[in-house]
C-alpha atoms as a PDB file:
ATOM      1  CA  MET A   1      27.564 -43.735 -14.243  1.00  0.00           C
ATOM      2  CA  LYS A   2      30.053 -41.324 -15.683  1.00  0.00           C
ATOM      3  CA  LYS A   3      27.537 -39.233 -17.204  1.00  0.00           C
ATOM      4  CA  ASN A   4      25.643 -38.953 -13.813  1.00  0.00           C
ATOM      5  CA  LYS A   5      28.914 -37.740 -12.197  1.00  0.00           C
ATOM      6  CA  ILE A   6      29.505 -35.118 -15.037  1.00  0.00           C
ATOM      7  CA  PHE A   7      25.933 -34.058 -14.740  1.00  0.00           C
ATOM      8  CA  ALA A   8      26.139 -33.669 -10.887  1.00  0.00           C
ATOM      9  CA  PHE A   9      29.460 -31.652 -11.249  1.00  0.00           C
ATOM     10  CA  LEU A  10      27.908 -29.248 -13.914  1.00  0.00           C
ATOM     11  CA  LEU A  11      24.801 -28.840 -11.817  1.00  0.00           C
ATOM     12  CA  VAL A  12      26.947 -27.774  -8.631  1.00  0.00           C
ATOM     13  CA  LEU A  13      29.190 -25.708 -10.794  1.00  0.00           C
ATOM     14  CA  PHE A  14      26.298 -23.653 -12.214  1.00  0.00           C
ATOM     15  CA  LEU A  15      23.774 -23.717  -9.246  1.00  0.00           C
ATOM     16  CA  VAL A  16      26.027 -22.881  -6.438  1.00  0.00           C
ATOM     17  CA  PRO A  17      27.386 -19.467  -7.799  1.00  0.00           C
ATOM     18  CA  ALA A  18      23.844 -18.436  -8.810  1.00  0.00           C
ATOM     19  CA  LEU A  19      22.563 -19.095  -5.158  1.00  0.00           C
ATOM     20  CA  CYS A  20      25.708 -17.281  -3.696  1.00  0.00           C
ATOM     21  CA  PHE A  21      25.087 -14.141  -5.736  1.00  0.00           C
ATOM     22  CA  ALA A  22      21.257 -13.988  -5.342  1.00  0.00           C
ATOM     23  CA  HIS A  23      20.583 -10.791  -3.589  1.00  0.00           C
ATOM     24  CA  VAL A  24      17.396  -9.235  -2.559  1.00  0.00           C
ATOM     25  CA  GLY A  25      16.550  -6.129  -4.833  1.00  0.00           C
ATOM     26  CA  MET A  26      13.597  -3.828  -5.442  1.00  0.00           C
ATOM     27  CA  LEU A  27      11.053  -5.292  -7.916  1.00  0.00           C
ATOM     28  CA  ASN A  28       8.909  -2.337  -8.232  1.00  0.00           C
ATOM     29  CA  SER A  29       7.560   0.701  -6.192  1.00  0.00           C
ATOM     30  CA  THR A  30       4.540   2.951  -5.850  1.00  0.00           C
ATOM     31  CA  PRO A  31       5.058   5.605  -6.724  1.00  0.00           C
ATOM     32  CA  ALA A  32       7.208   4.363  -9.564  1.00  0.00           C
ATOM     33  CA  LYS A  33      10.956   4.935  -9.659  1.00  0.00           C
ATOM     34  CA  ASN A  34      11.523   8.243 -11.584  1.00  0.00           C
ATOM     35  CA  GLY A  35       7.632   8.415 -11.936  1.00  0.00           C
ATOM     36  CA  PHE A  36       5.235  11.186 -11.945  1.00  0.00           C
ATOM     37  CA  VAL A  37       2.033  11.436  -9.898  1.00  0.00           C
ATOM     38  CA  SER A  38      -0.671  14.092 -10.070  1.00  0.00           C
ATOM     39  CA  SER A  39      -1.287  14.371  -6.181  1.00  0.00           C
ATOM     40  CA  SER A  40       0.362  13.649  -2.971  1.00  0.00           C
ATOM     41  CA  PRO A  41       0.586   9.739  -2.459  1.00  0.00           C
ATOM     42  CA  GLU A  42      -0.407   8.596   1.107  1.00  0.00           C
ATOM     43  CA  LYS A  43       2.572   6.188   1.164  1.00  0.00           C
ATOM     44  CA  VAL A  44       5.490   4.791  -0.686  1.00  0.00           C
ATOM     45  CA  THR A  45       5.609   1.091  -1.164  1.00  0.00           C
ATOM     46  CA  ILE A  46       8.563  -1.170  -2.319  1.00  0.00           C
ATOM     47  CA  LYS A  47       8.152  -4.813  -3.279  1.00  0.00           C
ATOM     48  CA  MET A  48      11.250  -6.749  -2.856  1.00  0.00           C
ATOM     49  CA  ALA A  49      12.553  -9.848  -4.746  1.00  0.00           C
ATOM     50  CA  GLY A  50      13.032 -11.590  -1.481  1.00  0.00           C
ATOM     51  CA  GLU A  51      12.332 -11.591   2.161  1.00  0.00           C
ATOM     52  CA  VAL A  52      14.060  -8.801   4.212  1.00  0.00           C
ATOM     53  CA  GLU A  53      15.053  -8.498   7.869  1.00  0.00           C
ATOM     54  CA  PRO A  54      12.820  -5.685   9.380  1.00  0.00           C
ATOM     55  CA  ALA A  55      15.339  -4.772  11.939  1.00  0.00           C
ATOM     56  CA  PHE A  56      17.932  -3.847   9.343  1.00  0.00           C
ATOM     57  CA  SER A  57      15.646  -2.506   6.593  1.00  0.00           C
ATOM     58  CA  LYS A  58      13.939   0.806   6.126  1.00  0.00           C
ATOM     59  CA  ILE A  59      12.501   3.433   3.672  1.00  0.00           C
ATOM     60  CA  GLU A  60      13.026   7.195   4.213  1.00  0.00           C
ATOM     61  CA  VAL A  61      11.436   9.901   1.997  1.00  0.00           C
ATOM     62  CA  PHE A  62      12.974  13.396   1.659  1.00  0.00           C
ATOM     63  CA  ASP A  63      11.739  16.625  -0.003  1.00  0.00           C
ATOM     64  CA  GLU A  64      13.771  18.944  -2.241  1.00  0.00           C
ATOM     65  CA  ASN A  65      15.136  20.594   1.130  1.00  0.00           C
ATOM     66  CA  ASN A  66      16.428  17.253   2.348  1.00  0.00           C
ATOM     67  CA  LYS A  67      13.601  17.230   5.074  1.00  0.00           C
ATOM     68  CA  LYS A  68      12.367  13.874   6.017  1.00  0.00           C
ATOM     69  CA  VAL A  69       8.650  13.411   4.962  1.00  0.00           C
ATOM     70  CA  SER A  70       8.111   9.734   5.977  1.00  0.00           C
ATOM     71  CA  LYS A  71       7.046   7.958   8.985  1.00  0.00           C
ATOM     72  CA  LYS A  72       8.131   4.480  10.399  1.00  0.00           C
ATOM     73  CA  THR A  73       8.782   1.721   7.918  1.00  0.00           C
ATOM     74  CA  ARG A  74       6.210  -1.155   8.011  1.00  0.00           C
ATOM     75  CA  PHE A  75       6.519  -4.614   6.475  1.00  0.00           C
ATOM     76  CA  ARG A  76       3.904  -6.850   4.888  1.00  0.00           C
ATOM     77  CA  GLU A  77       3.525 -10.089   3.004  1.00  0.00           C
ATOM     78  CA  LYS A  78       6.187 -12.172   4.913  1.00  0.00           C
ATOM     79  CA  ASN A  79       8.487  -9.072   4.665  1.00  0.00           C
ATOM     80  CA  LEU A  80       8.553  -8.947   0.958  1.00  0.00           C
ATOM     81  CA  ILE A  81       6.790  -5.512   1.003  1.00  0.00           C
ATOM     82  CA  MET A  82       8.280  -2.443   2.740  1.00  0.00           C
ATOM     83  CA  GLU A  83       6.179   0.787   2.962  1.00  0.00           C
ATOM     84  CA  THR A  84       6.115   3.993   4.792  1.00  0.00           C
ATOM     85  CA  LYS A  85       3.202   6.484   5.229  1.00  0.00           C
ATOM     86  CA  LEU A  86       3.990  10.100   4.186  1.00  0.00           C
ATOM     87  CA  LYS A  87       3.549  13.047   6.546  1.00  0.00           C
ATOM     88  CA  GLY A  88       0.480  15.012   5.433  1.00  0.00           C
ATOM     89  CA  ASN A  89      -0.249  16.297   1.974  1.00  0.00           C
ATOM     90  CA  LEU A  90       2.950  16.938   0.170  1.00  0.00           C
ATOM     91  CA  SER A  91       3.508  19.778  -2.091  1.00  0.00           C
ATOM     92  CA  PRO A  92       4.402  19.469  -5.784  1.00  0.00           C
ATOM     93  CA  GLY A  93       7.994  18.928  -6.328  1.00  0.00           C
ATOM     94  CA  VAL A  94      10.659  16.219  -6.592  1.00  0.00           C
ATOM     95  CA  TYR A  95      11.001  13.642  -3.659  1.00  0.00           C
ATOM     96  CA  THR A  96      13.859  11.380  -2.860  1.00  0.00           C
ATOM     97  CA  VAL A  97      13.216   7.749  -1.643  1.00  0.00           C
ATOM     98  CA  LYS A  98      16.226   6.178   0.176  1.00  0.00           C
ATOM     99  CA  TRP A  99      15.852   2.498   1.100  1.00  0.00           C
ATOM    100  CA  LYS A 100      18.136  -0.053   2.524  1.00  0.00           C
ATOM    101  CA  CYS A 101      17.567  -3.623   3.445  1.00  0.00           C
ATOM    102  CA  MET A 102      19.232  -6.737   4.630  1.00  0.00           C
ATOM    103  CA  SER A 103      17.975 -10.066   3.262  1.00  0.00           C
ATOM    104  CA  VAL A 104      17.549 -13.234   5.409  1.00  0.00           C
ATOM    105  CA  ASP A 105      20.915 -14.397   4.227  1.00  0.00           C
ATOM    106  CA  GLY A 106      22.728 -11.482   5.543  1.00  0.00           C
ATOM    107  CA  HIS A 107      23.328  -9.447   2.328  1.00  0.00           C
ATOM    108  CA  THR A 108      22.775  -5.740   2.424  1.00  0.00           C
ATOM    109  CA  LEU A 109      21.616  -3.340  -0.218  1.00  0.00           C
ATOM    110  CA  SER A 110      20.836   0.314  -0.423  1.00  0.00           C
ATOM    111  CA  GLU A 111      19.522   2.500  -3.221  1.00  0.00           C
ATOM    112  CA  GLU A 112      17.576   5.773  -3.891  1.00  0.00           C
ATOM    113  CA  PHE A 113      15.240   7.041  -6.528  1.00  0.00           C
ATOM    114  CA  ILE A 114      13.005   9.765  -7.121  1.00  0.00           C
ATOM    115  CA  PHE A 115       9.435  10.607  -7.792  1.00  0.00           C
ATOM    116  CA  THR A 116       7.739  13.969  -8.779  1.00  0.00           C
ATOM    117  CA  ILE A 117       4.536  15.325  -7.571  1.00  0.00           C
ATOM    118  CA  GLU A 118       3.203  17.489 -10.524  1.00  0.00           C
END
């Protein structure tokens, strides 16, 4: 009986903090973070580690002059994938992807990365 109580205590001790600090983050993107592509992509897609709240989540893409070149953010696969179409055929250069999200448990996260069209 004492071993069961110790096991239960240890389980709670290690499991609860892990659940509390589990935040949604980016698993991968297309184009890849810091990646190079040979032609203008049609869209930017980000796969998240968990479900996001669409009302508080978005992707924006900017060119080297800080001009927004993306459209409205869309969500797929039970809100695990965020994507935005790009405005037209983009010229070679460095593009900045800025994204933010709110997970279903209320935690927010925002990051940015670049990709280059050669």
